[in-house]
Amino acid sequence: MSKTNNFEENMQGLETIVQELEKGDLNLEDSIKKFEEGIELSKKCNEILEDAEKKITILIKKEDKIEEENM
């Protein structure tokens, strides 16, 4: 599975893995591989969300500073 910086694509990949695991058609080895892929996608999604949160925090701080300077 290709890793991407696109949150939506990563979430879609994660949802696909969950559906495959829920079906129960995979053998143990394949299930473990899919689970590992899911963990990696989950980590990537978390990183993307953390980066977005940092950017938003910076923007809010900049906006607060601009408002203070205008007063």
PDB file of N, CA and C in Angstrom:
ATOM      1  N   MET A   1       0.856  -1.178   0.000  1.00  0.00           N
ATOM      2  CA  MET A   1       0.000   0.000   0.000  1.00  0.00           C
ATOM      3  C   MET A   1       0.896   1.233   0.000  1.00  0.00           C
ATOM      4  N   SER A   2       0.618   2.184  -0.841  1.00  0.00           N
ATOM      5  CA  SER A   2       1.433   3.390  -0.920  1.00  0.00           C
ATOM      6  C   SER A   2       1.075   4.333   0.212  1.00  0.00           C
ATOM      7  N   LYS A   3       2.112   4.941   0.754  1.00  0.00           N
ATOM      8  CA  LYS A   3       1.897   5.910   1.830  1.00  0.00           C
ATOM      9  C   LYS A   3       1.860   7.285   1.223  1.00  0.00           C
ATOM     10  N   THR A   4       0.911   8.072   1.652  1.00  0.00           N
ATOM     11  CA  THR A   4       0.726   9.402   1.098  1.00  0.00           C
ATOM     12  C   THR A   4       0.528  10.399   2.231  1.00  0.00           C
ATOM     13  N   ASN A   5       0.708  11.656   1.919  1.00  0.00           N
ATOM     14  CA  ASN A   5       0.485  12.707   2.907  1.00  0.00           C
ATOM     15  C   ASN A   5      -0.948  13.215   2.881  1.00  0.00           C
ATOM     16  N   ASN A   6      -1.799  12.583   2.082  1.00  0.00           N
ATOM     17  CA  ASN A   6      -3.190  13.006   1.966  1.00  0.00           C
ATOM     18  C   ASN A   6      -4.023  12.280   3.028  1.00  0.00           C
ATOM     19  N   PHE A   7      -4.582  13.046   3.950  1.00  0.00           N
ATOM     20  CA  PHE A   7      -5.348  12.465   5.053  1.00  0.00           C
ATOM     21  C   PHE A   7      -6.511  11.611   4.546  1.00  0.00           C
ATOM     22  N   GLU A   8      -7.253  12.135   3.601  1.00  0.00           N
ATOM     23  CA  GLU A   8      -8.432  11.424   3.109  1.00  0.00           C
ATOM     24  C   GLU A   8      -8.060  10.086   2.465  1.00  0.00           C
ATOM     25  N   GLU A   9      -6.986  10.059   1.689  1.00  0.00           N
ATOM     26  CA  GLU A   9      -6.553   8.812   1.057  1.00  0.00           C
ATOM     27  C   GLU A   9      -6.097   7.802   2.107  1.00  0.00           C
ATOM     28  N   ASN A  10      -5.380   8.290   3.119  1.00  0.00           N
ATOM     29  CA  ASN A  10      -4.946   7.400   4.196  1.00  0.00           C
ATOM     30  C   ASN A  10      -6.139   6.836   4.952  1.00  0.00           C
ATOM     31  N   MET A  11      -7.131   7.668   5.226  1.00  0.00           N
ATOM     32  CA  MET A  11      -8.325   7.194   5.932  1.00  0.00           C
ATOM     33  C   MET A  11      -9.088   6.165   5.096  1.00  0.00           C
ATOM     34  N   GLN A  12      -9.157   6.418   3.800  1.00  0.00           N
ATOM     35  CA  GLN A  12      -9.843   5.464   2.921  1.00  0.00           C
ATOM     36  C   GLN A  12      -9.115   4.115   2.936  1.00  0.00           C
ATOM     37  N   GLY A  13      -7.781   4.158   2.895  1.00  0.00           N
ATOM     38  CA  GLY A  13      -7.002   2.923   2.966  1.00  0.00           C
ATOM     39  C   GLY A  13      -7.216   2.210   4.283  1.00  0.00           C
ATOM     40  N   LEU A  14      -7.289   2.964   5.345  1.00  0.00           N
ATOM     41  CA  LEU A  14      -7.518   2.382   6.663  1.00  0.00           C
ATOM     42  C   LEU A  14      -8.902   1.743   6.734  1.00  0.00           C
ATOM     43  N   GLU A  15      -9.901   2.400   6.188  1.00  0.00           N
ATOM     44  CA  GLU A  15     -11.260   1.840   6.173  1.00  0.00           C
ATOM     45  C   GLU A  15     -11.313   0.543   5.367  1.00  0.00           C
ATOM     46  N   THR A  16     -10.585   0.497   4.265  1.00  0.00           N
ATOM     47  CA  THR A  16     -10.539  -0.716   3.442  1.00  0.00           C
ATOM     48  C   THR A  16      -9.924  -1.868   4.231  1.00  0.00           C
ATOM     49  N   ILE A  17      -8.848  -1.581   4.944  1.00  0.00           N
ATOM     50  CA  ILE A  17      -8.193  -2.614   5.750  1.00  0.00           C
ATOM     51  C   ILE A  17      -9.145  -3.119   6.833  1.00  0.00           C
ATOM     52  N   VAL A  18      -9.845  -2.228   7.489  1.00  0.00           N
ATOM     53  CA  VAL A  18     -10.784  -2.621   8.541  1.00  0.00           C
ATOM     54  C   VAL A  18     -11.868  -3.535   7.957  1.00  0.00           C
ATOM     55  N   GLN A  19     -12.385  -3.179   6.797  1.00  0.00           N
ATOM     56  CA  GLN A  19     -13.416  -4.008   6.163  1.00  0.00           C
ATOM     57  C   GLN A  19     -12.868  -5.399   5.836  1.00  0.00           C
ATOM     58  N   GLU A  20     -11.638  -5.450   5.315  1.00  0.00           N
ATOM     59  CA  GLU A  20     -11.036  -6.744   4.976  1.00  0.00           C
ATOM     60  C   GLU A  20     -10.852  -7.599   6.227  1.00  0.00           C
ATOM     61  N   LEU A  21     -10.420  -6.985   7.313  1.00  0.00           N
ATOM     62  CA  LEU A  21     -10.216  -7.725   8.552  1.00  0.00           C
ATOM     63  C   LEU A  21     -11.539  -8.182   9.152  1.00  0.00           C
ATOM     64  N   GLU A  22     -12.566  -7.343   9.042  1.00  0.00           N
ATOM     65  CA  GLU A  22     -13.872  -7.697   9.601  1.00  0.00           C
ATOM     66  C   GLU A  22     -14.526  -8.857   8.866  1.00  0.00           C
ATOM     67  N   LYS A  23     -14.232  -8.999   7.581  1.00  0.00           N
ATOM     68  CA  LYS A  23     -14.806 -10.111   6.813  1.00  0.00           C
ATOM     69  C   LYS A  23     -14.363 -11.453   7.381  1.00  0.00           C
ATOM     70  N   GLY A  24     -13.114 -11.503   7.871  1.00  0.00           N
ATOM     71  CA  GLY A  24     -12.610 -12.747   8.445  1.00  0.00           C
ATOM     72  C   GLY A  24     -12.159 -13.761   7.415  1.00  0.00           C
ATOM     73  N   ASP A  25     -11.982 -13.337   6.158  1.00  0.00           N
ATOM     74  CA  ASP A  25     -11.582 -14.268   5.103  1.00  0.00           C
ATOM     75  C   ASP A  25     -10.072 -14.460   5.005  1.00  0.00           C
ATOM     76  N   LEU A  26      -9.304 -13.641   5.695  1.00  0.00           N
ATOM     77  CA  LEU A  26      -7.853 -13.702   5.591  1.00  0.00           C
ATOM     78  C   LEU A  26      -7.287 -14.717   6.582  1.00  0.00           C
ATOM     79  N   ASN A  27      -6.174 -15.348   6.172  1.00  0.00           N
ATOM     80  CA  ASN A  27      -5.504 -16.228   7.122  1.00  0.00           C
ATOM     81  C   ASN A  27      -4.748 -15.383   8.132  1.00  0.00           C
ATOM     82  N   LEU A  28      -4.198 -16.015   9.144  1.00  0.00           N
ATOM     83  CA  LEU A  28      -3.553 -15.290  10.231  1.00  0.00           C
ATOM     84  C   LEU A  28      -2.409 -14.414   9.742  1.00  0.00           C
ATOM     85  N   GLU A  29      -1.561 -14.950   8.887  1.00  0.00           N
ATOM     86  CA  GLU A  29      -0.412 -14.189   8.387  1.00  0.00           C
ATOM     87  C   GLU A  29      -0.850 -12.941   7.618  1.00  0.00           C
ATOM     88  N   ASP A  30      -1.835 -13.090   6.735  1.00  0.00           N
ATOM     89  CA  ASP A  30      -2.340 -11.940   5.973  1.00  0.00           C
ATOM     90  C   ASP A  30      -3.052 -10.937   6.875  1.00  0.00           C
ATOM     91  N   SER A  31      -3.753 -11.452   7.880  1.00  0.00           N
ATOM     92  CA  SER A  31      -4.430 -10.561   8.826  1.00  0.00           C
ATOM     93  C   SER A  31      -3.412  -9.716   9.583  1.00  0.00           C
ATOM     94  N   ILE A  32      -2.313 -10.320   9.992  1.00  0.00           N
ATOM     95  CA  ILE A  32      -1.274  -9.587  10.711  1.00  0.00           C
ATOM     96  C   ILE A  32      -0.653  -8.523   9.807  1.00  0.00           C
ATOM     97  N   LYS A  33      -0.412  -8.868   8.540  1.00  0.00           N
ATOM     98  CA  LYS A  33       0.144  -7.891   7.596  1.00  0.00           C
ATOM     99  C   LYS A  33      -0.812  -6.708   7.410  1.00  0.00           C
ATOM    100  N   LYS A  34      -2.086  -7.013   7.258  1.00  0.00           N
ATOM    101  CA  LYS A  34      -3.082  -5.944   7.097  1.00  0.00           C
ATOM    102  C   LYS A  34      -3.159  -5.078   8.359  1.00  0.00           C
ATOM    103  N   PHE A  35      -3.088  -5.734   9.526  1.00  0.00           N
ATOM    104  CA  PHE A  35      -3.118  -4.998  10.777  1.00  0.00           C
ATOM    105  C   PHE A  35      -1.918  -4.049  10.863  1.00  0.00           C
ATOM    106  N   GLU A  36      -0.741  -4.536  10.476  1.00  0.00           N
ATOM    107  CA  GLU A  36       0.461  -3.696  10.488  1.00  0.00           C
ATOM    108  C   GLU A  36       0.310  -2.505   9.538  1.00  0.00           C
ATOM    109  N   GLU A  37      -0.244  -2.763   8.353  1.00  0.00           N
ATOM    110  CA  GLU A  37      -0.496  -1.674   7.399  1.00  0.00           C
ATOM    111  C   GLU A  37      -1.458  -0.650   8.007  1.00  0.00           C
ATOM    112  N   GLY A  38      -2.477  -1.153   8.681  1.00  0.00           N
ATOM    113  CA  GLY A  38      -3.450  -0.270   9.314  1.00  0.00           C
ATOM    114  C   GLY A  38      -2.819   0.590  10.392  1.00  0.00           C
ATOM    115  N   ILE A  39      -1.939   0.008  11.180  1.00  0.00           N
ATOM    116  CA  ILE A  39      -1.241   0.767  12.224  1.00  0.00           C
ATOM    117  C   ILE A  39      -0.406   1.873  11.593  1.00  0.00           C
ATOM    118  N   GLU A  40       0.298   1.568  10.504  1.00  0.00           N
ATOM    119  CA  GLU A  40       1.124   2.574   9.829  1.00  0.00           C
ATOM    120  C   GLU A  40       0.266   3.712   9.266  1.00  0.00           C
ATOM    121  N   LEU A  41      -0.858   3.359   8.662  1.00  0.00           N
ATOM    122  CA  LEU A  41      -1.765   4.386   8.141  1.00  0.00           C
ATOM    123  C   LEU A  41      -2.341   5.233   9.274  1.00  0.00           C
ATOM    124  N   SER A  42      -2.664   4.589  10.373  1.00  0.00           N
ATOM    125  CA  SER A  42      -3.184   5.308  11.530  1.00  0.00           C
ATOM    126  C   SER A  42      -2.148   6.298  12.057  1.00  0.00           C
ATOM    127  N   LYS A  43      -0.902   5.876  12.132  1.00  0.00           N
ATOM    128  CA  LYS A  43       0.174   6.768  12.580  1.00  0.00           C
ATOM    129  C   LYS A  43       0.320   7.949  11.633  1.00  0.00           C
ATOM    130  N   LYS A  44       0.249   7.673  10.324  1.00  0.00           N
ATOM    131  CA  LYS A  44       0.385   8.734   9.333  1.00  0.00           C
ATOM    132  C   LYS A  44      -0.766   9.735   9.464  1.00  0.00           C
ATOM    133  N   CYS A  45      -1.974   9.245   9.644  1.00  0.00           N
ATOM    134  CA  CYS A  45      -3.126  10.137   9.830  1.00  0.00           C
ATOM    135  C   CYS A  45      -2.932  11.002  11.072  1.00  0.00           C
ATOM    136  N   ASN A  46      -2.444  10.394  12.135  1.00  0.00           N
ATOM    137  CA  ASN A  46      -2.208  11.132  13.364  1.00  0.00           C
ATOM    138  C   ASN A  46      -1.156  12.222  13.152  1.00  0.00           C
ATOM    139  N   GLU A  47      -0.091  11.919  12.418  1.00  0.00           N
ATOM    140  CA  GLU A  47       0.948  12.911  12.119  1.00  0.00           C
ATOM    141  C   GLU A  47       0.364  14.086  11.316  1.00  0.00           C
ATOM    142  N   ILE A  48      -0.458  13.765  10.344  1.00  0.00           N
ATOM    143  CA  ILE A  48      -1.073  14.805   9.516  1.00  0.00           C
ATOM    144  C   ILE A  48      -1.958  15.709  10.370  1.00  0.00           C
ATOM    145  N   LEU A  49      -2.749  15.094  11.261  1.00  0.00           N
ATOM    146  CA  LEU A  49      -3.621  15.876  12.143  1.00  0.00           C
ATOM    147  C   LEU A  49      -2.809  16.744  13.107  1.00  0.00           C
ATOM    148  N   GLU A  50      -1.720  16.191  13.642  1.00  0.00           N
ATOM    149  CA  GLU A  50      -0.870  16.970  14.552  1.00  0.00           C
ATOM    150  C   GLU A  50      -0.240  18.157  13.828  1.00  0.00           C
ATOM    151  N   ASP A  51       0.217  17.939  12.597  1.00  0.00           N
ATOM    152  CA  ASP A  51       0.791  19.039  11.812  1.00  0.00           C
ATOM    153  C   ASP A  51      -0.251  20.128  11.550  1.00  0.00           C
ATOM    154  N   ALA A  52      -1.456  19.706  11.223  1.00  0.00           N
ATOM    155  CA  ALA A  52      -2.528  20.672  10.970  1.00  0.00           C
ATOM    156  C   ALA A  52      -2.838  21.460  12.237  1.00  0.00           C
ATOM    157  N   GLU A  53      -2.860  20.780  13.367  1.00  0.00           N
ATOM    158  CA  GLU A  53      -3.135  21.453  14.633  1.00  0.00           C
ATOM    159  C   GLU A  53      -2.054  22.491  14.941  1.00  0.00           C
ATOM    160  N   LYS A  54      -0.796  22.141  14.678  1.00  0.00           N
ATOM    161  CA  LYS A  54       0.306  23.083  14.906  1.00  0.00           C
ATOM    162  C   LYS A  54       0.150  24.323  14.024  1.00  0.00           C
ATOM    163  N   LYS A  55      -0.195  24.107  12.762  1.00  0.00           N
ATOM    164  CA  LYS A  55      -0.381  25.230  11.837  1.00  0.00           C
ATOM    165  C   LYS A  55      -1.521  26.132  12.294  1.00  0.00           C
ATOM    166  N   ILE A  56      -2.607  25.527  12.728  1.00  0.00           N
ATOM    167  CA  ILE A  56      -3.759  26.304  13.190  1.00  0.00           C
ATOM    168  C   ILE A  56      -3.385  27.105  14.429  1.00  0.00           C
ATOM    169  N   THR A  57      -2.661  26.480  15.332  1.00  0.00           N
ATOM    170  CA  THR A  57      -2.230  27.175  16.551  1.00  0.00           C
ATOM    171  C   THR A  57      -1.359  28.375  16.200  1.00  0.00           C
ATOM    172  N   ILE A  58      -0.446  28.208  15.267  1.00  0.00           N
ATOM    173  CA  ILE A  58       0.423  29.310  14.833  1.00  0.00           C
ATOM    174  C   ILE A  58      -0.406  30.421  14.213  1.00  0.00           C
ATOM    175  N   LEU A  59      -1.349  30.068  13.359  1.00  0.00           N
ATOM    176  CA  LEU A  59      -2.197  31.074  12.727  1.00  0.00           C
ATOM    177  C   LEU A  59      -3.023  31.840  13.754  1.00  0.00           C
ATOM    178  N   ILE A  60      -3.545  31.137  14.739  1.00  0.00           N
ATOM    179  CA  ILE A  60      -4.340  31.801  15.780  1.00  0.00           C
ATOM    180  C   ILE A  60      -3.461  32.758  16.576  1.00  0.00           C
ATOM    181  N   LYS A  61      -2.255  32.322  16.909  1.00  0.00           N
ATOM    182  CA  LYS A  61      -1.343  33.187  17.666  1.00  0.00           C
ATOM    183  C   LYS A  61      -0.980  34.422  16.852  1.00  0.00           C
ATOM    184  N   LYS A  62      -0.744  34.226  15.552  1.00  0.00           N
ATOM    185  CA  LYS A  62      -0.430  35.371  14.694  1.00  0.00           C
ATOM    186  C   LYS A  62      -1.612  36.328  14.629  1.00  0.00           C
ATOM    187  N   GLU A  63      -2.804  35.800  14.514  1.00  0.00           N
ATOM    188  CA  GLU A  63      -4.007  36.631  14.442  1.00  0.00           C
ATOM    189  C   GLU A  63      -4.199  37.401  15.750  1.00  0.00           C
ATOM    190  N   ASP A  64      -3.971  36.733  16.873  1.00  0.00           N
ATOM    191  CA  ASP A  64      -4.086  37.414  18.167  1.00  0.00           C
ATOM    192  C   ASP A  64      -3.072  38.545  18.268  1.00  0.00           C
ATOM    193  N   LYS A  65      -1.883  38.309  17.785  1.00  0.00           N
ATOM    194  CA  LYS A  65      -0.840  39.337  17.849  1.00  0.00           C
ATOM    195  C   LYS A  65      -1.195  40.525  16.964  1.00  0.00           C
ATOM    196  N   ILE A  66      -1.738  40.260  15.803  1.00  0.00           N
ATOM    197  CA  ILE A  66      -2.145  41.339  14.886  1.00  0.00           C
ATOM    198  C   ILE A  66      -3.241  42.177  15.529  1.00  0.00           C
ATOM    199  N   GLU A  67      -4.200  41.514  16.163  1.00  0.00           N
ATOM    200  CA  GLU A  67      -5.293  42.242  16.815  1.00  0.00           C
ATOM    201  C   GLU A  67      -4.763  43.104  17.960  1.00  0.00           C
ATOM    202  N   GLU A  68      -3.806  42.589  18.720  1.00  0.00           N
ATOM    203  CA  GLU A  68      -3.228  43.369  19.816  1.00  0.00           C
ATOM    204  C   GLU A  68      -2.490  44.594  19.296  1.00  0.00           C
ATOM    205  N   GLU A  69      -1.790  44.440  18.176  1.00  0.00           N
ATOM    206  CA  GLU A  69      -1.035  45.545  17.605  1.00  0.00           C
ATOM    207  C   GLU A  69      -1.970  46.627  17.047  1.00  0.00           C
ATOM    208  N   ASN A  70      -3.131  46.223  16.572  1.00  0.00           N
ATOM    209  CA  ASN A  70      -4.092  47.180  16.016  1.00  0.00           C
ATOM    210  C   ASN A  70      -4.828  47.971  17.086  1.00  0.00           C
ATOM    211  N   MET A  71      -4.796  47.520  18.298  1.00  0.00           N
ATOM    212  CA  MET A  71      -5.550  48.186  19.374  1.00  0.00           C
ATOM    213  C   MET A  71      -4.875  49.412  19.831  1.00  0.00           C
TER     214      MET A  71
END
